[in-house]
C-alpha atoms as a PDB file:
ATOM      1  CA  MET A   1      23.690  -5.099   0.361  1.00  0.00           C
ATOM      2  CA  LYS A   2      25.421  -2.404  -1.701  1.00  0.00           C
ATOM      3  CA  LYS A   3      28.358  -0.430  -0.311  1.00  0.00           C
ATOM      4  CA  LEU A   4      27.651   2.377   2.125  1.00  0.00           C
ATOM      5  CA  SER A   5      28.874   5.884   1.408  1.00  0.00           C
ATOM      6  CA  PRO A   6      32.068   6.980   3.203  1.00  0.00           C
ATOM      7  CA  VAL A   7      30.092   9.768   4.880  1.00  0.00           C
ATOM      8  CA  PHE A   8      27.565   7.304   6.319  1.00  0.00           C
ATOM      9  CA  VAL A   9      30.342   5.025   7.565  1.00  0.00           C
ATOM     10  CA  GLU A  10      32.074   7.996   9.226  1.00  0.00           C
ATOM     11  CA  LEU A  11      28.854   9.214  10.866  1.00  0.00           C
ATOM     12  CA  THR A  12      28.227   5.745  12.306  1.00  0.00           C
ATOM     13  CA  GLN A  13      31.754   5.505  13.674  1.00  0.00           C
ATOM     14  CA  ASP A  14      31.562   8.982  15.217  1.00  0.00           C
ATOM     15  CA  ALA A  15      28.199   8.272  16.884  1.00  0.00           C
ATOM     16  CA  LEU A  16      29.465   4.939  18.195  1.00  0.00           C
ATOM     17  CA  LEU A  17      32.532   6.469  19.841  1.00  0.00           C
ATOM     18  CA  LYS A  18      30.522   9.297  21.389  1.00  0.00           C
ATOM     19  CA  ALA A  19      27.646   7.133  22.654  1.00  0.00           C
ATOM     20  CA  PHE A  20      29.856   4.613  24.489  1.00  0.00           C
ATOM     21  CA  TRP A  21      32.663   5.593  26.842  1.00  0.00           C
ATOM     22  CA  TYR A  22      33.511   2.358  28.654  1.00  0.00           C
ATOM     23  CA  LYS A  23      35.043  -0.613  26.849  1.00  0.00           C
ATOM     24  CA  PRO A  24      32.742  -3.314  28.361  1.00  0.00           C
ATOM     25  CA  SER A  25      29.619  -1.474  27.165  1.00  0.00           C
ATOM     26  CA  LEU A  26      31.048  -0.997  23.684  1.00  0.00           C
ATOM     27  CA  ARG A  27      32.165  -4.638  23.545  1.00  0.00           C
ATOM     28  CA  ILE A  28      28.630  -5.834  24.368  1.00  0.00           C
ATOM     29  CA  PHE A  29      27.178  -3.553  21.690  1.00  0.00           C
ATOM     30  CA  LEU A  30      29.610  -4.928  19.106  1.00  0.00           C
ATOM     31  CA  GLN A  31      28.833  -8.521  20.112  1.00  0.00           C
ATOM     32  CA  GLN A  32      25.105  -7.852  19.779  1.00  0.00           C
ATOM     33  CA  HIS A  33      25.687  -6.700  16.212  1.00  0.00           C
ATOM     34  CA  GLY A  34      27.600  -9.727  15.052  1.00  0.00           C
ATOM     35  CA  ILE A  35      31.217  -8.754  15.558  1.00  0.00           C
ATOM     36  CA  ALA A  36      33.047 -12.079  15.845  1.00  0.00           C
ATOM     37  CA  GLU A  37      34.938 -13.052  18.973  1.00  0.00           C
ATOM     38  CA  GLY A  38      38.036 -13.472  16.811  1.00  0.00           C
ATOM     39  CA  ALA A  39      37.887  -9.800  15.897  1.00  0.00           C
ATOM     40  CA  LEU A  40      37.188  -8.729  19.471  1.00  0.00           C
ATOM     41  CA  ALA A  41      40.195 -10.773  20.591  1.00  0.00           C
ATOM     42  CA  GLN A  42      42.356  -8.321  18.651  1.00  0.00           C
ATOM     43  CA  TRP A  43      41.318  -5.610  21.115  1.00  0.00           C
ATOM     44  CA  HIS A  44      44.249  -5.502  23.507  1.00  0.00           C
ATOM     45  CA  ALA A  45      43.879  -4.329  27.083  1.00  0.00           C
ATOM     46  CA  ASP A  46      46.078  -1.296  26.519  1.00  0.00           C
ATOM     47  CA  GLN A  47      44.370  -0.313  23.274  1.00  0.00           C
ATOM     48  CA  SER A  48      41.810   2.489  23.341  1.00  0.00           C
ATOM     49  CA  LYS A  49      38.315   2.001  22.005  1.00  0.00           C
ATOM     50  CA  ARG A  50      39.007   4.653  19.358  1.00  0.00           C
ATOM     51  CA  ASP A  51      42.071   2.812  18.071  1.00  0.00           C
ATOM     52  CA  PHE A  52      40.217  -0.503  18.031  1.00  0.00           C
ATOM     53  CA  ILE A  53      37.260   0.960  16.109  1.00  0.00           C
ATOM     54  CA  ARG A  54      39.661   2.562  13.647  1.00  0.00           C
ATOM     55  CA  TRP A  55      41.185  -0.888  13.101  1.00  0.00           C
ATOM     56  CA  LEU A  56      37.805  -2.644  12.934  1.00  0.00           C
ATOM     57  CA  TRP A  57      36.058  -0.269  10.574  1.00  0.00           C
ATOM     58  CA  PRO A  58      38.204  -0.944   7.450  1.00  0.00           C
ATOM     59  CA  GLN A  59      37.759  -4.676   8.035  1.00  0.00           C
ATOM     60  CA  LEU A  60      33.972  -4.225   7.978  1.00  0.00           C
ATOM     61  CA  VAL A  61      33.942  -1.885   4.996  1.00  0.00           C
ATOM     62  CA  LYS A  62      35.810  -4.303   2.756  1.00  0.00           C
ATOM     63  CA  GLY A  63      34.023  -7.421   4.043  1.00  0.00           C
ATOM     64  CA  GLU A  64      31.039  -8.958   2.243  1.00  0.00           C
ATOM     65  CA  LYS A  65      28.733  -8.694   5.272  1.00  0.00           C
ATOM     66  CA  GLY A  66      30.388  -5.634   6.785  1.00  0.00           C
ATOM     67  CA  PRO A  67      28.136  -2.942   5.256  1.00  0.00           C
ATOM     68  CA  GLY A  68      25.092  -4.748   6.648  1.00  0.00           C
ATOM     69  CA  VAL A  69      26.694  -4.891  10.092  1.00  0.00           C
ATOM     70  CA  ILE A  70      27.505  -1.174  10.013  1.00  0.00           C
ATOM     71  CA  LEU A  71      23.939  -0.345   8.902  1.00  0.00           C
ATOM     72  CA  SER A  72      22.543  -2.483  11.726  1.00  0.00           C
ATOM     73  CA  MET A  73      24.702  -0.597  14.236  1.00  0.00           C
ATOM     74  CA  ALA A  74      23.655   2.720  12.739  1.00  0.00           C
ATOM     75  CA  ARG A  75      19.972   1.865  13.094  1.00  0.00           C
ATOM     76  CA  SER A  76      20.454   0.866  16.731  1.00  0.00           C
ATOM     77  CA  LEU A  77      22.411   4.017  17.489  1.00  0.00           C
ATOM     78  CA  ALA A  78      19.766   6.164  15.769  1.00  0.00           C
ATOM     79  CA  GLU A  79      17.196   4.866  18.257  1.00  0.00           C
ATOM     80  CA  MET A  80      19.258   5.750  21.328  1.00  0.00           C
ATOM     81  CA  GLN A  81      17.662   8.255  23.696  1.00  0.00           C
ATOM     82  CA  ASP A  82      19.672   7.620  26.862  1.00  0.00           C
ATOM     83  CA  PHE A  83      23.413   7.270  27.401  1.00  0.00           C
ATOM     84  CA  PRO A  84      24.127   5.328  30.643  1.00  0.00           C
ATOM     85  CA  ASP A  85      27.869   5.292  29.954  1.00  0.00           C
ATOM     86  CA  LEU A  86      28.053   9.064  29.767  1.00  0.00           C
ATOM     87  CA  GLU A  87      25.851   9.684  32.792  1.00  0.00           C
ATOM     88  CA  ARG A  88      28.641   8.297  34.981  1.00  0.00           C
ATOM     89  CA  LYS A  89      31.190  10.773  33.647  1.00  0.00           C
ATOM     90  CA  GLU A  90      32.146  13.945  35.487  1.00  0.00           C
ATOM     91  CA  ASP A  91      31.845  15.942  32.279  1.00  0.00           C
ATOM     92  CA  THR A  92      28.459  14.421  31.464  1.00  0.00           C
ATOM     93  CA  LYS A  93      27.020  17.857  30.608  1.00  0.00           C
ATOM     94  CA  ILE A  94      29.490  18.029  27.738  1.00  0.00           C
ATOM     95  CA  ARG A  95      29.517  14.401  26.647  1.00  0.00           C
ATOM     96  CA  ILE A  96      25.768  13.818  26.390  1.00  0.00           C
ATOM     97  CA  PRO A  97      25.047  16.856  24.158  1.00  0.00           C
ATOM     98  CA  GLU A  98      27.918  15.784  21.877  1.00  0.00           C
ATOM     99  CA  ALA A  99      26.527  12.260  21.691  1.00  0.00           C
ATOM    100  CA  LYS A 100      23.008  13.545  20.984  1.00  0.00           C
ATOM    101  CA  GLU A 101      24.307  15.756  18.202  1.00  0.00           C
ATOM    102  CA  ALA A 102      26.190  12.839  16.629  1.00  0.00           C
ATOM    103  CA  ILE A 103      23.116  10.609  16.950  1.00  0.00           C
ATOM    104  CA  THR A 104      20.899  13.287  15.363  1.00  0.00           C
ATOM    105  CA  ARG A 105      23.206  13.552  12.332  1.00  0.00           C
ATOM    106  CA  LEU A 106      23.301   9.773  12.031  1.00  0.00           C
ATOM    107  CA  ARG A 107      19.541   9.464  12.431  1.00  0.00           C
ATOM    108  CA  LYS A 108      18.961  11.712   9.405  1.00  0.00           C
ATOM    109  CA  ALA A 109      21.380   9.616   7.373  1.00  0.00           C
ATOM    110  CA  VAL A 110      19.673   6.392   8.494  1.00  0.00           C
ATOM    111  CA  LEU A 111      16.239   7.720   7.523  1.00  0.00           C
ATOM    112  CA  SER A 112      17.598   8.652   4.123  1.00  0.00           C
ATOM    113  CA  ILE A 113      19.204   5.281   3.491  1.00  0.00           C
ATOM    114  CA  ASN A 114      16.070   3.477   4.760  1.00  0.00           C
ATOM    115  CA  GLU A 115      13.997   5.423   2.252  1.00  0.00           C
ATOM    116  CA  THR A 116      16.448   4.594  -0.528  1.00  0.00           C
ATOM    117  CA  ILE A 117      16.343   0.903   0.380  1.00  0.00           C
ATOM    118  CA  ARG A 118      12.537   0.976   0.514  1.00  0.00           C
ATOM    119  CA  GLU A 119      12.313   2.644  -2.904  1.00  0.00           C
ATOM    120  CA  THR A 120      14.767   0.113  -4.322  1.00  0.00           C
ATOM    121  CA  LYS A 121      12.747  -2.787  -2.921  1.00  0.00           C
ATOM    122  CA  ASP A 122       9.527  -1.267  -4.248  1.00  0.00           C
ATOM    123  CA  ALA A 123      11.081  -0.883  -7.680  1.00  0.00           C
ATOM    124  CA  GLU A 124      12.344  -4.468  -7.581  1.00  0.00           C
ATOM    125  CA  GLN A 125       8.903  -5.661  -6.499  1.00  0.00           C
ATOM    126  CA  ARG A 126       7.267  -3.743  -9.354  1.00  0.00           C
ATOM    127  CA  ARG A 127       9.708  -5.276 -11.818  1.00  0.00           C
ATOM    128  CA  LYS A 128       9.049  -8.721 -10.353  1.00  0.00           C
ATOM    129  CA  VAL A 129       5.270  -8.288 -10.598  1.00  0.00           C
ATOM    130  CA  ALA A 130       5.555  -6.952 -14.159  1.00  0.00           C
ATOM    131  CA  PHE A 131       7.735  -9.910 -15.131  1.00  0.00           C
ATOM    132  CA  GLU A 132       5.342 -12.393 -13.522  1.00  0.00           C
ATOM    133  CA  GLN A 133       2.381 -10.782 -15.272  1.00  0.00           C
ATOM    134  CA  MET A 134       4.193 -10.884 -18.599  1.00  0.00           C
ATOM    135  CA  SER A 135       5.152 -14.522 -18.016  1.00  0.00           C
ATOM    136  CA  ALA A 136       1.568 -15.337 -17.054  1.00  0.00           C
ATOM    137  CA  ARG A 137       0.251 -13.670 -20.212  1.00  0.00           C
ATOM    138  CA  ILE A 138       2.705 -15.619 -22.342  1.00  0.00           C
ATOM    139  CA  ALA A 139       1.864 -18.876 -20.562  1.00  0.00           C
ATOM    140  CA  ALA A 140      -1.859 -18.115 -20.826  1.00  0.00           C
ATOM    141  CA  GLN A 141      -1.567 -17.391 -24.523  1.00  0.00           C
ATOM    142  CA  LEU A 142       0.284 -20.632 -25.064  1.00  0.00           C
ATOM    143  CA  SER A 143      -2.390 -22.518 -23.111  1.00  0.00           C
ATOM    144  CA  ILE A 144      -5.211 -20.835 -25.019  1.00  0.00           C
ATOM    145  CA  GLU A 145      -3.471 -21.735 -28.261  1.00  0.00           C
ATOM    146  CA  LYS A 146      -3.182 -25.348 -27.099  1.00  0.00           C
ATOM    147  CA  LEU A 147      -6.874 -25.426 -26.173  1.00  0.00           C
ATOM    148  CA  ALA A 148      -7.788 -23.928 -29.538  1.00  0.00           C
ATOM    149  CA  GLY A 149      -5.579 -26.477 -31.257  1.00  0.00           C
ATOM    150  CA  ARG A 150      -7.198 -29.358 -29.379  1.00  0.00           C
ATOM    151  CA  LEU A 151     -10.667 -28.146 -30.360  1.00  0.00           C
ATOM    152  CA  THR A 152      -9.568 -28.013 -33.995  1.00  0.00           C
ATOM    153  CA  GLU A 153      -8.203 -31.540 -33.725  1.00  0.00           C
ATOM    154  CA  ILE A 154     -11.513 -32.995 -32.537  1.00  0.00           C
ATOM    155  CA  THR A 155     -13.615 -31.109 -35.116  1.00  0.00           C
ATOM    156  CA  PRO A 156     -13.472 -34.035 -37.610  1.00  0.00           C
ATOM    157  CA  HIS A 157     -15.312 -36.088 -34.957  1.00  0.00           C
ATOM    158  CA  LEU A 158     -18.227 -33.634 -34.901  1.00  0.00           C
ATOM    159  CA  GLY A 159     -21.513 -35.491 -34.500  1.00  0.00           C
ATOM    160  CA  THR A 160     -19.935 -38.708 -33.183  1.00  0.00           C
ATOM    161  CA  GLN A 161     -20.090 -40.192 -29.702  1.00  0.00           C
ATOM    162  CA  GLU A 162     -16.304 -40.097 -29.460  1.00  0.00           C
ATOM    163  CA  GLY A 163     -16.318 -36.433 -30.447  1.00  0.00           C
ATOM    164  CA  GLY A 164     -18.904 -35.766 -27.739  1.00  0.00           C
ATOM    165  CA  TYR A 165     -16.707 -37.347 -25.066  1.00  0.00           C
ATOM    166  CA  GLN A 166     -13.679 -35.377 -26.259  1.00  0.00           C
ATOM    167  CA  PHE A 167     -15.607 -32.101 -26.281  1.00  0.00           C
ATOM    168  CA  GLU A 168     -16.880 -32.799 -22.761  1.00  0.00           C
ATOM    169  CA  ARG A 169     -13.299 -33.280 -21.558  1.00  0.00           C
ATOM    170  CA  TRP A 170     -12.154 -30.242 -23.525  1.00  0.00           C
ATOM    171  CA  PHE A 171     -14.680 -27.975 -21.780  1.00  0.00           C
ATOM    172  CA  TYR A 172     -13.597 -29.303 -18.371  1.00  0.00           C
ATOM    173  CA  ASP A 173      -9.964 -28.436 -19.244  1.00  0.00           C
ATOM    174  CA  LEU A 174     -11.155 -24.985 -20.319  1.00  0.00           C
ATOM    175  CA  ALA A 175     -12.733 -24.462 -16.897  1.00  0.00           C
ATOM    176  CA  VAL A 176      -9.535 -25.644 -15.187  1.00  0.00           C
ATOM    177  CA  TYR A 177      -7.516 -23.247 -17.340  1.00  0.00           C
ATOM    178  CA  PHE A 178      -9.611 -20.382 -15.966  1.00  0.00           C
ATOM    179  CA  GLU A 179      -8.850 -21.674 -12.449  1.00  0.00           C
ATOM    180  CA  LEU A 180     -12.439 -22.578 -11.659  1.00  0.00           C
ATOM    181  CA  GLU A 181     -13.495 -25.208  -9.163  1.00  0.00           C
ATOM    182  CA  ALA A 182     -14.557 -27.825 -11.684  1.00  0.00           C
ATOM    183  CA  ARG A 183     -15.591 -31.469 -11.747  1.00  0.00           C
ATOM    184  CA  PRO A 184     -15.413 -33.784 -14.795  1.00  0.00           C
ATOM    185  CA  GLY A 185     -18.341 -35.874 -15.969  1.00  0.00           C
ATOM    186  CA  TYR A 186     -20.087 -38.120 -13.453  1.00  0.00           C
ATOM    187  CA  VAL A 187     -23.326 -40.033 -12.872  1.00  0.00           C
ATOM    188  CA  ALA A 188     -25.844 -38.858 -10.237  1.00  0.00           C
ATOM    189  CA  SER A 189     -29.114 -40.677  -9.499  1.00  0.00           C
ATOM    190  CA  GLY A 190     -28.745 -42.623 -12.713  1.00  0.00           C
ATOM    191  CA  ARG A 191     -28.359 -39.456 -14.796  1.00  0.00           C
ATOM    192  CA  GLN A 192     -25.203 -38.624 -16.731  1.00  0.00           C
ATOM    193  CA  ILE A 193     -23.828 -35.172 -15.872  1.00  0.00           C
ATOM    194  CA  ASP A 194     -21.123 -33.886 -18.222  1.00  0.00           C
ATOM    195  CA  GLY A 195     -19.453 -31.908 -15.432  1.00  0.00           C
ATOM    196  CA  ALA A 196     -19.922 -29.136 -12.918  1.00  0.00           C
ATOM    197  CA  LEU A 197     -18.201 -25.909 -11.961  1.00  0.00           C
ATOM    198  CA  THR A 198     -18.595 -23.173  -9.375  1.00  0.00           C
ATOM    199  CA  ILE A 199     -18.535 -19.424 -10.084  1.00  0.00           C
ATOM    200  CA  ASP A 200     -19.072 -16.823  -7.361  1.00  0.00           C
ATOM    201  CA  GLY A 201     -20.648 -19.377  -5.050  1.00  0.00           C
ATOM    202  CA  THR A 202     -23.107 -20.725  -7.636  1.00  0.00           C
ATOM    203  CA  THR A 203     -22.807 -24.334  -8.766  1.00  0.00           C
ATOM    204  CA  PHE A 204     -23.468 -24.949 -12.466  1.00  0.00           C
ATOM    205  CA  LEU A 205     -24.159 -28.373 -13.927  1.00  0.00           C
ATOM    206  CA  ILE A 206     -22.594 -28.700 -17.376  1.00  0.00           C
ATOM    207  CA  GLU A 207     -24.115 -30.279 -20.484  1.00  0.00           C
ATOM    208  CA  THR A 208     -21.996 -30.320 -23.662  1.00  0.00           C
ATOM    209  CA  LYS A 209     -23.266 -30.981 -27.187  1.00  0.00           C
ATOM    210  CA  PHE A 210     -20.885 -31.663 -30.082  1.00  0.00           C
ATOM    211  CA  THR A 211     -23.491 -32.127 -32.796  1.00  0.00           C
ATOM    212  CA  THR A 212     -23.603 -31.120 -36.460  1.00  0.00           C
ATOM    213  CA  THR A 213     -26.935 -29.312 -36.102  1.00  0.00           C
ATOM    214  CA  PRO A 214     -28.331 -26.792 -33.593  1.00  0.00           C
ATOM    215  CA  ILE A 215     -29.825 -28.132 -30.383  1.00  0.00           C
ATOM    216  CA  GLY A 216     -33.622 -28.284 -30.112  1.00  0.00           C
ATOM    217  CA  SER A 217     -36.197 -28.235 -27.309  1.00  0.00           C
ATOM    218  CA  PRO A 218     -35.966 -31.963 -26.335  1.00  0.00           C
ATOM    219  CA  ASP A 219     -32.365 -31.571 -25.197  1.00  0.00           C
ATOM    220  CA  ILE A 220     -33.324 -28.435 -23.267  1.00  0.00           C
ATOM    221  CA  ASP A 221     -36.126 -30.257 -21.457  1.00  0.00           C
ATOM    222  CA  THR A 222     -33.861 -33.187 -20.550  1.00  0.00           C
ATOM    223  CA  PHE A 223     -31.172 -30.948 -19.132  1.00  0.00           C
ATOM    224  CA  MET A 224     -33.727 -28.759 -17.330  1.00  0.00           C
ATOM    225  CA  ALA A 225     -34.983 -31.846 -15.476  1.00  0.00           C
ATOM    226  CA  LYS A 226     -31.434 -32.620 -14.310  1.00  0.00           C
ATOM    227  CA  ILE A 227     -30.996 -29.078 -13.007  1.00  0.00           C
ATOM    228  CA  GLU A 228     -34.349 -28.907 -11.223  1.00  0.00           C
ATOM    229  CA  SER A 229     -33.652 -32.198  -9.425  1.00  0.00           C
ATOM    230  CA  LYS A 230     -30.709 -30.583  -7.605  1.00  0.00           C
ATOM    231  CA  ALA A 231     -30.508 -27.998  -4.827  1.00  0.00           C
ATOM    232  CA  ASP A 232     -32.267 -24.643  -5.208  1.00  0.00           C
ATOM    233  CA  ASN A 233     -29.059 -22.690  -5.858  1.00  0.00           C
ATOM    234  CA  THR A 234     -27.977 -25.038  -8.675  1.00  0.00           C
ATOM    235  CA  MET A 235     -27.963 -23.711 -12.228  1.00  0.00           C
ATOM    236  CA  GLY A 236     -26.933 -25.238 -15.530  1.00  0.00           C
ATOM    237  CA  ILE A 237     -24.835 -24.308 -18.548  1.00  0.00           C
ATOM    238  CA  LEU A 238     -25.597 -26.019 -21.837  1.00  0.00           C
ATOM    239  CA  VAL A 239     -22.696 -25.672 -24.281  1.00  0.00           C
ATOM    240  CA  SER A 240     -23.560 -26.461 -27.904  1.00  0.00           C
ATOM    241  CA  ILE A 241     -20.837 -26.119 -30.523  1.00  0.00           C
ATOM    242  CA  SER A 242     -23.507 -25.814 -33.252  1.00  0.00           C
ATOM    243  CA  GLY A 243     -25.755 -23.441 -31.350  1.00  0.00           C
ATOM    244  CA  PHE A 244     -29.489 -23.598 -30.637  1.00  0.00           C
ATOM    245  CA  ASN A 245     -32.618 -23.300 -32.716  1.00  0.00           C
ATOM    246  CA  GLU A 246     -35.261 -20.783 -31.722  1.00  0.00           C
ATOM    247  CA  GLY A 247     -37.402 -23.443 -30.060  1.00  0.00           C
ATOM    248  CA  ALA A 248     -34.491 -24.378 -27.767  1.00  0.00           C
ATOM    249  CA  LYS A 249     -33.877 -20.756 -26.805  1.00  0.00           C
ATOM    250  CA  THR A 250     -37.565 -20.315 -25.995  1.00  0.00           C
ATOM    251  CA  SER A 251     -37.745 -23.514 -23.940  1.00  0.00           C
ATOM    252  CA  ALA A 252     -34.695 -22.556 -21.899  1.00  0.00           C
ATOM    253  CA  SER A 253     -35.920 -19.029 -21.240  1.00  0.00           C
ATOM    254  CA  LYS A 254     -38.427 -18.322 -18.500  1.00  0.00           C
ATOM    255  CA  GLN A 255     -38.767 -16.272 -15.335  1.00  0.00           C
ATOM    256  CA  LYS A 256     -35.852 -17.067 -12.980  1.00  0.00           C
ATOM    257  CA  THR A 257     -34.486 -19.531 -15.506  1.00  0.00           C
ATOM    258  CA  PRO A 258     -31.749 -21.754 -14.060  1.00  0.00           C
ATOM    259  CA  MET A 259     -30.193 -22.459 -17.470  1.00  0.00           C
ATOM    260  CA  LEU A 260     -27.631 -20.499 -19.480  1.00  0.00           C
ATOM    261  CA  LEU A 261     -26.726 -21.214 -23.112  1.00  0.00           C
ATOM    262  CA  LEU A 262     -23.243 -21.003 -24.657  1.00  0.00           C
ATOM    263  CA  ASP A 263     -22.360 -21.666 -28.279  1.00  0.00           C
ATOM    264  CA  HIS A 264     -19.412 -21.504 -30.693  1.00  0.00           C
ATOM    265  CA  GLY A 265     -19.608 -17.705 -30.754  1.00  0.00           C
ATOM    266  CA  HIS A 266     -18.846 -17.475 -27.055  1.00  0.00           C
ATOM    267  CA  ILE A 267     -16.081 -20.072 -27.380  1.00  0.00           C
ATOM    268  CA  PHE A 268     -14.249 -18.675 -30.396  1.00  0.00           C
ATOM    269  CA  ASN A 269     -15.036 -14.949 -30.286  1.00  0.00           C
ATOM    270  CA  LEU A 270     -14.699 -14.378 -26.539  1.00  0.00           C
ATOM    271  CA  LEU A 271     -12.869 -17.208 -24.756  1.00  0.00           C
ATOM    272  CA  LEU A 272     -10.282 -18.522 -27.209  1.00  0.00           C
ATOM    273  CA  SER A 273      -9.594 -15.021 -28.523  1.00  0.00           C
ATOM    274  CA  GLY A 274      -8.713 -13.843 -25.005  1.00  0.00           C
ATOM    275  CA  VAL A 275     -11.372 -11.127 -24.958  1.00  0.00           C
ATOM    276  CA  MET A 276     -13.088 -12.457 -21.817  1.00  0.00           C
ATOM    277  CA  THR A 277     -12.650 -15.212 -19.253  1.00  0.00           C
ATOM    278  CA  LEU A 278     -15.154 -18.008 -18.729  1.00  0.00           C
ATOM    279  CA  PRO A 279     -16.347 -16.538 -15.388  1.00  0.00           C
ATOM    280  CA  GLN A 280     -16.902 -13.174 -17.106  1.00  0.00           C
ATOM    281  CA  VAL A 281     -18.881 -14.712 -19.950  1.00  0.00           C
ATOM    282  CA  VAL A 282     -21.056 -16.784 -17.608  1.00  0.00           C
ATOM    283  CA  SER A 283     -21.654 -13.823 -15.280  1.00  0.00           C
ATOM    284  CA  ARG A 284     -22.656 -11.615 -18.224  1.00  0.00           C
ATOM    285  CA  ILE A 285     -25.202 -14.147 -19.541  1.00  0.00           C
ATOM    286  CA  LYS A 286     -26.476 -14.789 -16.019  1.00  0.00           C
ATOM    287  CA  ARG A 287     -27.052 -11.070 -15.492  1.00  0.00           C
ATOM    288  CA  HIS A 288     -28.875 -10.893 -18.837  1.00  0.00           C
ATOM    289  CA  ALA A 289     -31.048 -13.853 -17.811  1.00  0.00           C
ATOM    290  CA  SER A 290     -31.892 -12.206 -14.486  1.00  0.00           C
ATOM    291  CA  GLN A 291     -32.887  -8.990 -16.213  1.00  0.00           C
ATOM    292  CA  THR A 292     -34.799 -10.439 -19.186  1.00  0.00           C
ATOM    293  CA  GLY A 293     -35.583 -14.088 -18.441  1.00  0.00           C
ATOM    294  CA  SER A 294     -33.699 -15.057 -21.602  1.00  0.00           C
ATOM    295  CA  SER A 295     -31.114 -17.828 -21.260  1.00  0.00           C
ATOM    296  CA  TYR A 296     -29.254 -16.838 -24.412  1.00  0.00           C
ATOM    297  CA  LEU A 297     -27.158 -13.765 -25.150  1.00  0.00           C
ATOM    298  CA  GLY A 298     -25.102 -14.052 -28.327  1.00  0.00           C
ATOM    299  CA  ALA A 299     -21.426 -13.098 -28.270  1.00  0.00           C
ATOM    300  CA  THR A 300     -22.085 -10.249 -30.724  1.00  0.00           C
ATOM    301  CA  GLU A 301     -24.629  -8.778 -28.272  1.00  0.00           C
ATOM    302  CA  PHE A 302     -22.206  -8.475 -25.338  1.00  0.00           C
END
């Protein structure tokens, strides 16, 4: 820790000498607060406790760990309410009030330094959090840029089976980037599922389409059958890079529809631009579907 002020060091020394009268009691207190046996061995039998403390204190002040040791002693002294050493003295009525007065002065100083330390730690914590947030934003931006770059790289494969596989994997990586519980493509009951993810306790099956033309009703009906064959709380997200024709939007939309539709507008204008996260986009469309029965809400309508 940083150096203690000379006044604080003096207050601690004064309280220590006034709170302990007998050498054995003071020795135990010093041992409890980390004073090495080598240092205590320097305390000769004919040397007073005051002289020993006056020798010890400069050693602590200039030592690397000394300020921490002095502060630890000060905190212990500040908590003292009783003074067994002084109660055995004939002039106890004089000694105890003097000790209490010294402890009271030290206690105020300890409270002040504790508050300063707390404020310093709080400031350091705020700086640490700010730095971590800044680092996270930079890392996130770099990751978003990489995801955007990967999507650009697979664009020449639009409409091909290979492009479809790459887009499926790309969307899974997008979900992972947003720290969602996600699963890559798999086969269930003989049906190919392009992936799954969980948002706010709801499981969504994923269907990705990397076609050159908008998706029509047949693809909606096929995916709807996959969704309805699962548990009641299962929903589906159909992601089409080329969007949906009006027939597809109508087929997907119905009362308590389990299907949500995402297109290039959501991907480029909201997700890759950093305007919203994937959970936010899905939750917004889901709320729209609950209120209107419509599975589709364009990015420009958010």
